[in-house]
């Protein structure tokens, strides 16, 4: 926990310093404070990074799915794919167009 607080503080200070150095000179924007910089970090994580890198949540999920996939028979894999296709309409591969007639 102390490491997470220290990492958040350092990240906030780095973002604040970079913003206050670049944004006013390049774009003419105002200076920001520490809490605004920390808010930008959180917002950018939500919009662009998700929880990737935060305690490995996504990698654990992917690892479990890959492990289960390895133990499936070809029939179970096809059944799994068919279930996904039935739930995710519009994501089926489109058939190749017919070749041009000469």
N, C-alpha and C. Protein backbone atom coordinates (compact mmCIF):
# COMPACT_ATOMS: atom_id res chain seq x y z
N UNK A 1 0.81 -1.20 0.00
CA UNK A 1 0.00 0.00 0.00
C UNK A 1 0.86 1.27 0.00
N UNK A 2 1.91 1.34 0.82
CA UNK A 2 2.74 2.55 0.77
C UNK A 2 3.37 2.75 -0.60
N UNK A 3 3.72 1.64 -1.26
CA UNK A 3 4.30 1.76 -2.60
C UNK A 3 3.30 2.34 -3.59
N UNK A 4 2.02 1.93 -3.50
CA UNK A 4 0.99 2.44 -4.41
C UNK A 4 0.77 3.94 -4.20
N UNK A 5 0.77 4.38 -2.95
CA UNK A 5 0.60 5.80 -2.65
C UNK A 5 1.80 6.59 -3.19
N UNK A 6 3.01 6.07 -2.98
CA UNK A 6 4.21 6.72 -3.48
C UNK A 6 4.21 6.78 -5.01
N UNK A 7 3.82 5.67 -5.65
CA UNK A 7 3.77 5.63 -7.12
C UNK A 7 2.75 6.62 -7.66
N UNK A 8 1.59 6.72 -7.01
CA UNK A 8 0.56 7.68 -7.44
C UNK A 8 1.06 9.11 -7.27
N UNK A 9 1.75 9.38 -6.17
CA UNK A 9 2.27 10.73 -5.93
C UNK A 9 3.32 11.10 -6.97
N UNK A 10 4.24 10.20 -7.23
CA UNK A 10 5.28 10.46 -8.22
C UNK A 10 4.68 10.63 -9.61
N UNK A 11 3.72 9.77 -9.97
CA UNK A 11 3.07 9.88 -11.28
C UNK A 11 2.35 11.22 -11.41
N UNK A 12 1.63 11.61 -10.36
CA UNK A 12 0.94 12.91 -10.38
C UNK A 12 1.90 14.07 -10.55
N UNK A 13 3.02 14.02 -9.84
CA UNK A 13 4.00 15.10 -9.94
C UNK A 13 4.65 15.15 -11.32
N UNK A 14 4.94 13.98 -11.89
CA UNK A 14 5.54 13.94 -13.22
C UNK A 14 4.56 14.48 -14.27
N UNK A 15 3.30 14.06 -14.20
CA UNK A 15 2.29 14.55 -15.15
C UNK A 15 2.11 16.05 -15.00
N UNK A 16 2.05 16.52 -13.76
CA UNK A 16 1.88 17.96 -13.51
C UNK A 16 3.07 18.74 -14.08
N UNK A 17 4.29 18.26 -13.85
CA UNK A 17 5.48 18.95 -14.34
C UNK A 17 5.51 18.98 -15.87
N UNK A 18 5.21 17.84 -16.50
CA UNK A 18 5.21 17.79 -17.96
C UNK A 18 4.12 18.68 -18.55
N UNK A 19 2.93 18.62 -17.97
CA UNK A 19 1.83 19.46 -18.45
C UNK A 19 2.19 20.94 -18.35
N UNK A 20 2.66 21.34 -17.15
CA UNK A 20 2.95 22.76 -16.91
C UNK A 20 4.15 23.24 -17.73
N UNK A 21 4.99 22.33 -18.17
CA UNK A 21 6.12 22.70 -19.00
C UNK A 21 5.72 22.81 -20.46
N UNK A 22 4.88 21.85 -20.94
CA UNK A 22 4.57 21.79 -22.37
C UNK A 22 3.26 22.47 -22.78
N UNK A 23 2.18 22.18 -22.08
CA UNK A 23 0.86 22.63 -22.53
C UNK A 23 0.73 24.15 -22.64
N UNK A 24 1.20 24.94 -21.67
CA UNK A 24 1.08 26.40 -21.83
C UNK A 24 1.92 26.93 -22.99
N UNK A 25 3.11 26.38 -23.17
CA UNK A 25 3.98 26.88 -24.23
C UNK A 25 3.50 26.45 -25.61
N UNK A 26 3.02 25.23 -25.74
CA UNK A 26 2.64 24.70 -27.05
C UNK A 26 1.22 25.11 -27.43
N UNK A 27 0.26 24.95 -26.49
CA UNK A 27 -1.14 25.18 -26.80
C UNK A 27 -1.72 26.45 -26.18
N UNK A 28 -1.00 27.06 -25.26
CA UNK A 28 -1.52 28.25 -24.58
C UNK A 28 -2.52 27.90 -23.48
N UNK A 29 -2.51 26.66 -23.00
CA UNK A 29 -3.43 26.24 -21.95
C UNK A 29 -2.91 26.66 -20.59
N UNK A 30 -3.78 26.58 -19.58
CA UNK A 30 -3.43 27.00 -18.23
C UNK A 30 -2.60 25.94 -17.52
N UNK A 31 -1.96 26.38 -16.44
CA UNK A 31 -1.23 25.46 -15.57
C UNK A 31 -2.22 24.63 -14.76
N UNK A 32 -1.81 23.45 -14.32
CA UNK A 32 -2.67 22.59 -13.50
C UNK A 32 -1.98 22.29 -12.18
N UNK A 33 -2.77 21.86 -11.23
CA UNK A 33 -2.25 21.46 -9.93
C UNK A 33 -2.07 19.96 -9.83
N UNK A 34 -1.60 19.52 -8.65
CA UNK A 34 -1.33 18.09 -8.44
C UNK A 34 -2.58 17.24 -8.60
N UNK A 35 -3.69 17.65 -7.98
CA UNK A 35 -4.91 16.83 -8.02
C UNK A 35 -5.49 16.77 -9.42
N UNK A 36 -5.37 17.85 -10.17
CA UNK A 36 -5.82 17.83 -11.55
C UNK A 36 -4.95 16.89 -12.39
N UNK A 37 -3.66 16.89 -12.13
CA UNK A 37 -2.75 15.97 -12.84
C UNK A 37 -3.08 14.53 -12.51
N UNK A 38 -3.34 14.25 -11.24
CA UNK A 38 -3.70 12.89 -10.84
C UNK A 38 -5.03 12.48 -11.47
N UNK A 39 -5.97 13.43 -11.56
CA UNK A 39 -7.23 13.17 -12.23
C UNK A 39 -7.04 12.85 -13.70
N UNK A 40 -6.11 13.54 -14.36
CA UNK A 40 -5.80 13.24 -15.77
C UNK A 40 -5.23 11.83 -15.93
N UNK A 41 -4.39 11.42 -14.99
CA UNK A 41 -3.82 10.07 -15.05
C UNK A 41 -4.93 9.04 -14.94
N UNK A 42 -5.82 9.22 -13.98
CA UNK A 42 -6.92 8.27 -13.79
C UNK A 42 -7.84 8.26 -15.01
N UNK A 43 -8.18 9.44 -15.52
CA UNK A 43 -9.04 9.53 -16.70
C UNK A 43 -8.39 8.86 -17.91
N UNK A 44 -7.11 9.08 -18.11
CA UNK A 44 -6.45 8.46 -19.26
C UNK A 44 -6.39 6.94 -19.11
N UNK A 45 -6.25 6.45 -17.87
CA UNK A 45 -6.29 4.99 -17.64
C UNK A 45 -7.65 4.43 -17.98
N UNK A 46 -8.69 5.13 -17.59
CA UNK A 46 -10.05 4.66 -17.87
C UNK A 46 -10.31 4.67 -19.37
N UNK A 47 -9.96 5.75 -20.05
CA UNK A 47 -10.27 5.89 -21.46
C UNK A 47 -9.37 5.07 -22.36
N UNK A 48 -8.09 4.99 -22.05
CA UNK A 48 -7.14 4.39 -22.98
C UNK A 48 -6.48 3.11 -22.47
N UNK A 49 -6.31 2.96 -21.18
CA UNK A 49 -5.54 1.83 -20.69
C UNK A 49 -6.32 0.79 -19.95
N UNK A 50 -7.53 1.11 -19.53
CA UNK A 50 -8.28 0.16 -18.74
C UNK A 50 -7.54 -0.19 -17.48
N UNK A 51 -7.60 -1.44 -17.07
CA UNK A 51 -6.89 -1.86 -15.86
C UNK A 51 -5.62 -2.62 -16.20
N UNK A 52 -5.20 -2.54 -17.44
CA UNK A 52 -3.99 -3.24 -17.86
C UNK A 52 -2.82 -2.78 -17.01
N UNK A 53 -2.09 -3.72 -16.46
CA UNK A 53 -0.95 -3.37 -15.64
C UNK A 53 -1.29 -3.17 -14.17
N UNK A 54 -2.55 -3.11 -13.82
CA UNK A 54 -2.93 -2.95 -12.42
C UNK A 54 -3.23 -4.33 -11.87
N UNK A 55 -2.26 -4.94 -11.22
CA UNK A 55 -2.37 -6.23 -10.57
C UNK A 55 -2.63 -7.37 -11.55
N UNK A 56 -2.43 -7.18 -12.83
CA UNK A 56 -2.52 -8.25 -13.81
C UNK A 56 -3.89 -8.87 -13.95
N UNK A 57 -4.96 -8.12 -13.77
CA UNK A 57 -6.31 -8.68 -13.84
C UNK A 57 -6.61 -9.29 -15.20
N UNK A 58 -6.29 -8.56 -16.25
CA UNK A 58 -6.61 -9.07 -17.58
C UNK A 58 -5.75 -10.25 -17.95
N UNK A 59 -4.48 -10.22 -17.59
CA UNK A 59 -3.62 -11.33 -17.97
C UNK A 59 -4.06 -12.62 -17.27
N UNK A 60 -4.56 -12.52 -16.05
CA UNK A 60 -5.05 -13.70 -15.34
C UNK A 60 -6.25 -14.29 -16.07
N UNK A 61 -7.17 -13.44 -16.53
CA UNK A 61 -8.35 -13.89 -17.25
C UNK A 61 -7.93 -14.57 -18.56
N UNK A 62 -7.01 -13.96 -19.28
CA UNK A 62 -6.54 -14.54 -20.54
C UNK A 62 -5.84 -15.88 -20.31
N UNK A 63 -5.06 -15.95 -19.25
CA UNK A 63 -4.35 -17.18 -18.94
C UNK A 63 -5.34 -18.31 -18.65
N UNK A 64 -6.38 -18.01 -17.87
CA UNK A 64 -7.39 -19.03 -17.56
C UNK A 64 -8.10 -19.48 -18.82
N UNK A 65 -8.47 -18.55 -19.70
CA UNK A 65 -9.15 -18.91 -20.94
C UNK A 65 -8.25 -19.76 -21.84
N UNK A 66 -6.97 -19.39 -21.94
CA UNK A 66 -6.04 -20.16 -22.76
C UNK A 66 -5.86 -21.57 -22.20
N UNK A 67 -5.82 -21.66 -20.89
CA UNK A 67 -5.68 -22.97 -20.25
C UNK A 67 -6.90 -23.86 -20.53
N UNK A 68 -8.09 -23.28 -20.41
CA UNK A 68 -9.31 -24.04 -20.69
C UNK A 68 -9.38 -24.43 -22.17
N UNK A 69 -8.95 -23.54 -23.05
CA UNK A 69 -8.97 -23.80 -24.49
C UNK A 69 -8.07 -25.00 -24.82
N UNK A 70 -6.92 -25.09 -24.17
CA UNK A 70 -6.00 -26.19 -24.41
C UNK A 70 -6.61 -27.55 -24.07
N UNK A 71 -7.50 -27.56 -23.08
CA UNK A 71 -8.08 -28.82 -22.63
C UNK A 71 -9.39 -29.18 -23.36
N UNK A 72 -9.83 -28.31 -24.28
CA UNK A 72 -11.08 -28.59 -25.01
C UNK A 72 -10.81 -29.51 -26.19
N UNK A 73 -11.79 -30.33 -26.50
CA UNK A 73 -11.73 -31.14 -27.71
C UNK A 73 -12.11 -30.25 -28.89
N UNK A 74 -11.80 -30.64 -30.11
CA UNK A 74 -12.20 -29.83 -31.27
C UNK A 74 -13.72 -29.59 -31.32
N UNK A 75 -14.51 -30.59 -30.90
CA UNK A 75 -15.97 -30.40 -30.89
C UNK A 75 -16.37 -29.35 -29.86
N UNK A 76 -15.74 -29.36 -28.68
CA UNK A 76 -16.05 -28.36 -27.65
C UNK A 76 -15.64 -26.97 -28.10
N UNK A 77 -14.51 -26.87 -28.81
CA UNK A 77 -14.06 -25.58 -29.32
C UNK A 77 -15.07 -25.02 -30.33
N UNK A 78 -15.53 -25.88 -31.22
CA UNK A 78 -16.51 -25.42 -32.22
C UNK A 78 -17.81 -25.03 -31.55
N UNK A 79 -18.22 -25.75 -30.53
CA UNK A 79 -19.43 -25.41 -29.79
C UNK A 79 -19.26 -24.06 -29.09
N UNK A 80 -18.08 -23.81 -28.54
CA UNK A 80 -17.78 -22.53 -27.90
C UNK A 80 -17.84 -21.39 -28.91
N UNK A 81 -17.22 -21.61 -30.08
CA UNK A 81 -17.26 -20.59 -31.14
C UNK A 81 -18.69 -20.32 -31.59
N UNK A 82 -19.49 -21.36 -31.74
CA UNK A 82 -20.88 -21.19 -32.16
C UNK A 82 -21.66 -20.40 -31.13
N UNK A 83 -21.39 -20.64 -29.85
CA UNK A 83 -22.05 -19.87 -28.80
C UNK A 83 -21.68 -18.41 -28.86
N UNK A 84 -20.41 -18.11 -29.11
CA UNK A 84 -19.99 -16.72 -29.25
C UNK A 84 -20.64 -16.06 -30.46
N UNK A 85 -20.67 -16.79 -31.57
CA UNK A 85 -21.29 -16.23 -32.78
C UNK A 85 -22.76 -15.91 -32.55
N UNK A 86 -23.46 -16.76 -31.79
CA UNK A 86 -24.89 -16.52 -31.57
C UNK A 86 -25.11 -15.30 -30.68
N UNK A 87 -24.15 -14.98 -29.82
CA UNK A 87 -24.29 -13.82 -28.92
C UNK A 87 -23.76 -12.54 -29.53
N UNK A 88 -22.83 -12.63 -30.45
CA UNK A 88 -22.15 -11.46 -31.02
C UNK A 88 -22.52 -11.30 -32.48
N UNK A 89 -23.73 -10.88 -32.73
CA UNK A 89 -24.19 -10.71 -34.10
C UNK A 89 -23.39 -9.62 -34.79
N UNK A 90 -23.08 -9.84 -36.03
CA UNK A 90 -22.37 -8.83 -36.81
C UNK A 90 -20.86 -9.01 -36.78
N UNK A 91 -20.36 -9.97 -36.05
CA UNK A 91 -18.92 -10.18 -35.98
C UNK A 91 -18.49 -11.44 -36.72
N UNK A 92 -19.39 -12.04 -37.45
CA UNK A 92 -19.03 -13.21 -38.23
C UNK A 92 -18.17 -12.76 -39.41
N UNK A 93 -17.22 -13.59 -39.81
CA UNK A 93 -16.43 -13.21 -40.99
C UNK A 93 -17.32 -13.16 -42.21
N UNK A 94 -17.12 -12.17 -43.02
CA UNK A 94 -17.92 -12.04 -44.24
C UNK A 94 -17.38 -12.99 -45.30
N UNK A 95 -18.24 -13.61 -46.06
CA UNK A 95 -17.74 -14.53 -47.09
C UNK A 95 -17.01 -13.75 -48.18
N UNK A 96 -16.05 -14.42 -48.78
CA UNK A 96 -15.28 -13.79 -49.85
C UNK A 96 -16.19 -13.56 -51.07
N UNK A 97 -16.00 -12.44 -51.74
CA UNK A 97 -16.82 -12.19 -52.93
C UNK A 97 -16.46 -13.18 -54.02
N UNK A 98 -17.42 -13.49 -54.89
CA UNK A 98 -17.14 -14.44 -55.98
C UNK A 98 -16.11 -13.84 -56.94
N UNK A 99 -15.33 -14.68 -57.56
CA UNK A 99 -14.33 -14.15 -58.51
C UNK A 99 -15.03 -13.50 -59.71
N UNK A 100 -14.42 -12.50 -60.27
CA UNK A 100 -15.04 -11.83 -61.43
C UNK A 100 -15.14 -12.78 -62.61
N UNK A 101 -16.26 -12.69 -63.30
CA UNK A 101 -16.44 -13.55 -64.48
C UNK A 101 -15.78 -12.89 -65.68
N UNK A 102 -15.20 -13.72 -66.50
CA UNK A 102 -14.48 -13.20 -67.66
C UNK A 102 -15.27 -13.40 -68.92
